Amino acid sequence: MDKEEIIEKLLAGEMKLYQIDKYTQTATEALDIRREFIERYSDCRLDQISNYTLDMELAFAKNIENPIGTIQVPIGVAGPVTINGEHAKDDFFIPLATSEGALLASVNRGCSAITAAGGVNARVIGDKMTRAPVIKTESVVEAVKVKQWFENKFDEIKEIAESTTSHGKLIKVDPIIIVGNYVYPRFCYSTGDSMGMNMVTIATEKVLEKLYEDLGVHAIALSGNLCVDKKPAAINVVEGRGKTVVADILIPEAIVRTKLKTTAKAIEEVNVAKNLIGSAAAGSMAYNAHFANMIGALFLATGQDAAHVVEGSLGITTAEDRDGDLYFSVNMSDLPIATIGGGTRLETANEGLQILGCAGSGNVNKFAEIVISTVLAGELSLVGALAAGHLAKAHKELGR
C-alpha cells in the first residue's frame, strides 16, 4: 500500500493512525504520512512541526506514539550562579525553555544577587520514588492480615522487588493505610540516576504476585493514588518523593539594596503576607511565589517529565531580616528528576543537561542541587520585585 492509499484510508476512517507502521519501513516514513494526513484533515500546514533534528526513529522506540514531528520552545540561559552544594560546586549557566517573557531576566537577576553574595547553599536530604497499589480484601479483618504480611515479610519483599532491577533498592513499605476493606501500601525505593517510575512499578508488581500466592488477595490497581504521582498531595510534602532538596543564602544588606532595589525587611514582609498567609488563606500546599516557573522551564530544557511540575511546585519559601541582611531559603520535598532514561535521551534535552555538566549516570544529585538553586534565584527575584514594586514594570518592558 503506497502513501496516497494509506492517507485516503485514514481520511475515510478505514484505518487507525497506529496501523500506519504496518505498511511503512521506518518510523520517519510513517511520521511523514501521519503528518500529511493531519494537514489534510485539519486543513493546515505543519511546516514548522515538520522541521526537526531529533532522531525520530529513536524517539518513536522510546518516547512517543503516533509522532508527526516536534514542537520548539525558545531556550535561554540565566547566570552564572554560584552554587555551594555537596554535589554542585561551581558557577553554572542555567538553560531555561519558556515562552514567558521576563522569566529569564528575573531568574538572571536572582542569579546575580546570589553570586555577588558568595553563592547559594544547596543540599539533597531525601531520595525516594514511590508506588502504592490498592489491594481489595473481603473485610477489615483480612485487610489487617495484609498489612501485617507487609510488616512481617519486609526482608523477603525487599529481595523480590530488587530481583527485578540492578539499580532500584526498596527502602520501606510505609505507610500502609486501611480504608474499609481496601489496603494501600506505599512502596518507597531509591532509583539512582533514573526517575524510576517504570522501575518501581515493575518491582512492586512482582511483590504483589507473591502476596497473591500467600494470601489469595490481589491488587485492583497497581497505582492506588497514595503514591502520589503527578498530583499535589500532602503526603508527598511530608514524606517526600523523588529528591527532597533545600537551599539557603545570607545576602548582605548592600547587595539587597543594589541588586534587588529593596530591603530585607520589605522582602520578609512580602514573603509572610503573600507566600505564607496568602497561601494559607487559599488552602494551598505551595507556600511559594512561583516554583513552577523555574521547574517547568528547566524540565523542558533537560527532558524531564513535564507533568511532575505539579509535584515540584510544592514547597516553602522563607525570608528573614537579620539586621538588614537577608536570610532567604526554599525547600522542595517532591522533585522527581533524572539524568538518564526517559526524555533525557532526546538530543536537545541531553544538550541541556550537558550545559550543566549533568548528562548521564552519577549526576542526579548534582542536578537536584542546581534545580533548587535555580528555584531560589527565581523566588528571590520575584519576591524582591514585589517588595520594590517592580513586577508590573518588568512585565511591561520584557513580557510584551
Foldseek 3Di string as FASTA:
>chain_A
DDLVVVLVCVVVVNDDLQCLVVVDDAPVVSLCSLLVSCCVVVVHDDVPQADDDWPVRVCCVAPDGSHNGHDDFDKDWADQAAADEPQAGGGAIAIFTHPFWLLRVLLNLLRVQQVVQPHKYKYWDDAKAKWKFKWFDDWVVVQVVLQVCQVVCVVVLQVQLCVQDPFKGWDGFDDWDDDTRMIITITIIGGAQALQPVSNLVSQVRSQVVVCVVRVIHTPGRHPCPSPPLADDVCCVVVFHGIKMKMKGKGALVSLCPSLVFWLVLLQVLLCVPQNVVCVVVVHQQSADPLLNLLQRSCVQQFHDNSCSNQQRGKHWHWDQDVGIIMIMIIHRYDRHHQDDGGNPIPRNVVSCVSSVQHDGPRNRVVVRVSRSSSRSSRVSVSSCVSNVNPVVSCVVTRD
